[in-house]
Amino acid sequence: MYSPVTHIFSQHDHDAVRFHIEDTAALTVSPFWTPGWPDELEIALLDAVFTARAPYGGPGNGVRRVLSRWRAYRSLELHRREHLDDIGALANFQTCPEDLAEILGNRQRVSGNSTTKADAAARAAATLIALGVRTAADLDDHGDRRRAVTAITGVGFKTWECALFLVGRRTPDAIRYLVAFISDAVGREVDLSEASGLLGAAAETLGSETVVLEHAAWRYRRRFPLPASPALPVPLSEVG
């Protein structure tokens, strides 16, 4: 998040935000202290699909194990390690999703049990490619893309929002969650500029990048309903 306005914050607000982070999304307990996957749409899409109703886990289990196995597979395929940013590699499994499930070591099924998450991820990748999206730089919250992807069984609106967030796109709802996180912390409703400033100050105090703290805070706050709020200013579409 970015704010064009410089605020002077009270020590009370600084402390309140820090305490709230420690209570809800501390580095010692949250697996989400990462910047997401800004240049890796393959990983972001898998993360978003497999996170639904599943523990994120550590390197050897949960969603992170799925991501690690895909990295290992793609590294062998590419004969070198690089950013995994071509979802054509996932779309290739649209006709054989059971092979993708085998590679990922995960046959978890989507809500409703109609198909596997591997199938949903492959279908989402193929759908995005048909709509002109192949890399993280191509992805945005365009209405046609949103409607097409969220119509896929197992890929709802929250999954779509997650993929966007992980590649660095901030939708209006994502920003509202971050503003709500800071409002919860200080005990009053804050605006976008103040929330952005307090997040940045907290990140500096904690020795973290702001984008990393945003990710941890957003993952926590999106577990709860999005509160009603006045219309925000023109929403941010990029981190920074």
Protein backbone atom coordinates (compact mmCIF):
# COMPACT_ATOMS: atom_id res chain seq x y z
CA MET A 1 0.00 0.00 0.00
CA TYR A 2 1.15 3.52 -0.69
CA SER A 3 0.15 6.78 0.90
CA PRO A 4 0.93 10.19 -0.56
CA VAL A 5 0.38 11.77 2.85
CA THR A 6 2.90 11.73 5.69
CA HIS A 7 1.30 11.21 9.10
CA ILE A 8 2.70 11.72 12.57
CA PHE A 9 1.42 8.84 14.67
CA SER A 10 1.02 8.72 18.41
CA GLN A 11 3.00 6.25 20.45
CA HIS A 12 -0.33 4.75 21.45
CA ASP A 13 -1.14 3.94 17.82
CA HIS A 14 2.34 2.55 17.17
CA ASP A 15 2.08 0.30 20.21
CA ALA A 16 -1.50 -0.73 19.46
CA VAL A 17 -0.57 -1.89 15.96
CA ARG A 18 2.48 -3.76 17.20
CA PHE A 19 0.49 -5.49 19.95
CA HIS A 20 -2.24 -6.42 17.48
CA ILE A 21 0.32 -7.98 15.16
CA GLU A 22 1.81 -9.94 18.04
CA ASP A 23 -1.65 -11.15 19.07
CA THR A 24 -2.93 -12.15 15.63
CA ALA A 25 -0.15 -12.63 13.09
CA ALA A 26 3.15 -12.83 14.89
CA LEU A 27 6.19 -13.91 12.88
CA THR A 28 6.67 -16.81 15.28
CA VAL A 29 3.25 -18.33 14.51
CA SER A 30 2.18 -17.07 11.08
CA PRO A 31 3.55 -18.78 7.94
CA PHE A 32 2.62 -15.75 5.84
CA TRP A 33 5.59 -13.48 6.49
CA THR A 34 6.61 -13.47 2.84
CA PRO A 35 6.03 -10.97 0.02
CA GLY A 36 3.85 -13.49 -1.80
CA TRP A 37 4.88 -14.51 -5.30
CA PRO A 38 5.13 -11.24 -7.27
CA ASP A 39 6.89 -12.76 -10.31
CA GLU A 40 5.58 -16.31 -10.14
CA LEU A 41 2.02 -16.73 -11.34
CA GLU A 42 2.35 -20.52 -11.40
CA ILE A 43 3.10 -20.59 -7.67
CA ALA A 44 0.54 -17.89 -6.85
CA LEU A 45 -2.25 -19.77 -8.62
CA LEU A 46 -1.41 -23.06 -6.90
CA ASP A 47 -1.15 -21.30 -3.54
CA ALA A 48 -4.53 -19.64 -4.00
CA VAL A 49 -6.34 -22.83 -5.06
CA PHE A 50 -4.78 -25.17 -2.50
CA THR A 51 -5.08 -22.74 0.43
CA ALA A 52 -8.87 -23.06 0.43
CA ARG A 53 -9.95 -25.09 3.48
CA ALA A 54 -6.42 -26.36 4.04
CA PRO A 55 -3.54 -25.70 6.45
CA TYR A 56 -0.72 -23.71 4.92
CA GLY A 57 1.80 -25.86 6.75
CA GLY A 58 5.57 -25.87 6.69
CA PRO A 59 8.02 -26.75 3.92
CA GLY A 60 7.19 -30.44 4.26
CA ASN A 61 3.42 -30.38 4.56
CA GLY A 62 0.23 -28.57 3.68
CA VAL A 63 0.12 -26.02 0.88
CA ARG A 64 3.83 -25.33 1.10
CA ARG A 65 4.57 -28.96 0.27
CA VAL A 66 2.45 -28.61 -2.87
CA LEU A 67 4.45 -25.55 -3.90
CA SER A 68 7.77 -27.26 -3.14
CA ARG A 69 6.84 -30.28 -5.24
CA TRP A 70 5.85 -28.08 -8.18
CA ARG A 71 9.14 -26.22 -7.91
CA ALA A 72 11.03 -29.50 -7.93
CA TYR A 73 9.10 -30.74 -10.97
CA ARG A 74 9.59 -27.53 -12.91
CA SER A 75 13.27 -27.36 -12.02
CA LEU A 76 13.78 -30.79 -13.54
CA GLU A 77 11.76 -29.80 -16.59
CA LEU A 78 13.64 -26.54 -17.09
CA HIS A 79 17.03 -27.98 -16.09
CA ARG A 80 17.61 -24.92 -13.96
CA ARG A 81 15.91 -22.87 -11.26
CA GLU A 82 14.15 -19.69 -12.27
CA HIS A 83 10.94 -17.80 -11.63
CA LEU A 84 7.97 -20.04 -12.32
CA ASP A 85 5.95 -17.54 -14.28
CA ASP A 86 4.34 -19.34 -17.21
CA ILE A 87 0.99 -20.89 -16.33
CA GLY A 88 1.05 -22.76 -19.61
CA ALA A 89 2.92 -25.39 -17.60
CA LEU A 90 -0.19 -25.84 -15.43
CA ALA A 91 -2.68 -25.51 -18.28
CA ASN A 92 -0.99 -28.47 -19.99
CA PHE A 93 -2.54 -30.70 -17.33
CA GLN A 94 -6.13 -29.68 -18.09
CA THR A 95 -6.75 -32.97 -19.88
CA CYS A 96 -4.82 -35.07 -17.35
CA PRO A 97 -5.30 -33.46 -13.93
CA GLU A 98 -4.61 -36.76 -12.18
CA ASP A 99 -1.00 -36.46 -13.40
CA LEU A 100 -0.76 -33.00 -11.85
CA ALA A 101 -2.19 -34.32 -8.58
CA GLU A 102 0.52 -37.00 -8.62
CA ILE A 103 3.26 -34.45 -9.19
CA LEU A 104 1.93 -32.24 -6.39
CA GLY A 105 1.40 -35.17 -4.03
CA ASN A 106 -2.04 -33.85 -3.21
CA ARG A 107 -5.45 -35.18 -4.22
CA GLN A 108 -7.50 -32.93 -1.98
CA ARG A 109 -10.89 -32.16 -3.46
CA VAL A 110 -12.61 -28.81 -3.81
CA SER A 111 -15.61 -27.79 -1.74
CA GLY A 112 -18.52 -29.97 -2.83
CA ASN A 113 -16.15 -32.83 -3.65
CA SER A 114 -16.79 -32.63 -7.42
CA THR A 115 -13.16 -32.53 -8.53
CA THR A 116 -9.61 -32.19 -7.26
CA LYS A 117 -7.81 -28.96 -6.54
CA ALA A 118 -5.23 -29.99 -9.12
CA ASP A 119 -7.99 -30.11 -11.74
CA ALA A 120 -9.28 -26.69 -10.64
CA ALA A 121 -5.79 -25.17 -10.86
CA ALA A 122 -5.20 -26.57 -14.35
CA ARG A 123 -8.58 -25.34 -15.56
CA ALA A 124 -7.97 -21.89 -14.07
CA ALA A 125 -4.62 -21.69 -15.82
CA ALA A 126 -6.12 -22.70 -19.17
CA THR A 127 -8.96 -20.21 -18.75
CA LEU A 128 -6.57 -17.37 -17.99
CA ILE A 129 -4.40 -18.19 -20.99
CA ALA A 130 -7.47 -18.08 -23.23
CA LEU A 131 -8.12 -14.59 -21.86
CA GLY A 132 -4.60 -13.31 -22.50
CA VAL A 133 -2.95 -14.03 -19.15
CA ARG A 134 0.20 -16.13 -19.00
CA THR A 135 2.50 -14.38 -16.51
CA ALA A 136 2.15 -12.40 -13.30
CA ALA A 137 2.57 -9.16 -15.23
CA ASP A 138 -0.54 -10.01 -17.27
CA LEU A 139 -2.87 -10.62 -14.34
CA ASP A 140 -5.36 -7.97 -13.28
CA ASP A 141 -8.89 -7.81 -11.87
CA HIS A 142 -10.55 -7.38 -15.25
CA GLY A 143 -14.23 -8.27 -15.05
CA ASP A 144 -14.21 -10.84 -17.85
CA ARG A 145 -11.25 -12.65 -16.34
CA ARG A 146 -12.74 -12.56 -12.85
CA ARG A 147 -16.07 -13.94 -14.02
CA ALA A 148 -14.52 -16.70 -16.11
CA VAL A 149 -12.12 -17.92 -13.45
CA THR A 150 -14.55 -17.76 -10.55
CA ALA A 151 -17.06 -19.78 -12.58
CA ILE A 152 -14.68 -22.75 -12.37
CA THR A 153 -15.70 -25.28 -9.74
CA GLY A 154 -13.38 -24.85 -6.77
CA VAL A 155 -12.15 -21.37 -7.73
CA GLY A 156 -14.36 -18.84 -5.98
CA PHE A 157 -13.98 -15.13 -5.46
CA LYS A 158 -11.68 -15.55 -2.45
CA THR A 159 -9.35 -17.75 -4.48
CA TRP A 160 -9.28 -15.16 -7.26
CA GLU A 161 -8.53 -12.38 -4.77
CA CYS A 162 -5.78 -14.48 -3.23
CA ALA A 163 -4.04 -15.04 -6.56
CA LEU A 164 -4.18 -11.32 -7.29
CA PHE A 165 -2.82 -10.42 -3.86
CA LEU A 166 0.05 -12.88 -4.14
CA VAL A 167 1.30 -11.35 -7.41
CA GLY A 168 1.07 -7.85 -5.95
CA ARG A 169 -2.34 -6.62 -7.08
CA ARG A 170 -4.44 -4.96 -4.40
CA THR A 171 -8.18 -5.03 -5.10
CA PRO A 172 -10.58 -2.69 -3.25
CA ASP A 173 -11.61 -5.56 -0.94
CA ALA A 174 -7.98 -6.42 -0.18
CA ILE A 175 -7.32 -2.82 0.77
CA ARG A 176 -10.43 -2.76 2.94
CA TYR A 177 -9.17 -5.82 4.83
CA LEU A 178 -5.85 -4.10 5.48
CA VAL A 179 -7.57 -0.91 6.61
CA ALA A 180 -9.83 -3.00 8.86
CA PHE A 181 -6.78 -4.71 10.39
CA ILE A 182 -5.32 -1.35 11.44
CA SER A 183 -8.73 -0.05 12.55
CA ASP A 184 -9.11 -3.13 14.77
CA ALA A 185 -5.67 -2.47 16.22
CA VAL A 186 -6.17 1.16 17.19
CA GLY A 187 -9.84 0.82 18.18
CA ARG A 188 -11.24 3.33 15.71
CA GLU A 189 -11.91 3.59 12.01
CA VAL A 190 -8.91 4.87 10.08
CA ASP A 191 -8.65 5.91 6.46
CA LEU A 192 -6.47 4.35 3.78
CA SER A 193 -3.66 6.86 4.17
CA GLU A 194 -3.41 6.42 7.94
CA ALA A 195 -3.62 2.62 7.67
CA SER A 196 -0.86 2.62 5.07
CA GLY A 197 1.36 4.81 7.20
CA LEU A 198 0.86 2.72 10.32
CA LEU A 199 1.57 -0.51 8.45
CA GLY A 200 4.75 0.99 7.05
CA ALA A 201 5.84 2.23 10.48
CA ALA A 202 5.13 -1.16 12.03
CA ALA A 203 7.09 -2.93 9.32
CA GLU A 204 10.07 -0.65 9.95
CA THR A 205 9.89 -1.28 13.70
CA LEU A 206 9.75 -5.04 13.11
CA GLY A 207 12.58 -4.97 10.59
CA SER A 208 10.31 -6.20 7.80
CA GLU A 209 9.30 -5.05 4.35
CA THR A 210 5.85 -3.46 4.29
CA VAL A 211 4.65 -5.90 1.62
CA VAL A 212 5.58 -8.82 3.90
CA LEU A 213 3.61 -7.39 6.81
CA GLU A 214 0.68 -6.64 4.50
CA HIS A 215 0.60 -10.29 3.47
CA ALA A 216 0.56 -11.56 7.06
CA ALA A 217 -2.06 -9.01 8.14
CA TRP A 218 -4.28 -9.63 5.13
CA ARG A 219 -4.21 -13.41 5.53
CA TYR A 220 -5.32 -13.03 9.14
CA ARG A 221 -8.02 -10.41 8.61
CA ARG A 222 -9.67 -12.11 5.64
CA ARG A 223 -10.77 -14.95 7.92
CA PHE A 224 -13.45 -12.59 9.21
CA PRO A 225 -16.28 -10.76 7.45
CA LEU A 226 -15.37 -7.64 5.55
CA PRO A 227 -16.89 -4.75 7.51
CA ALA A 228 -19.11 -2.21 5.85
CA SER A 229 -17.24 1.00 5.29
CA PRO A 230 -17.45 4.23 3.32
CA ALA A 231 -16.13 4.14 -0.23
CA LEU A 232 -12.35 4.19 -0.36
CA PRO A 233 -10.34 6.56 -2.52
CA VAL A 234 -9.21 5.30 -5.91
CA PRO A 235 -7.96 1.79 -5.06
CA LEU A 236 -4.36 0.77 -5.37
CA SER A 237 -3.62 -1.87 -7.96
CA GLU A 238 0.03 -2.48 -7.14
CA VAL A 239 2.11 -2.87 -4.03
CA GLY A 240 4.84 -0.38 -3.34
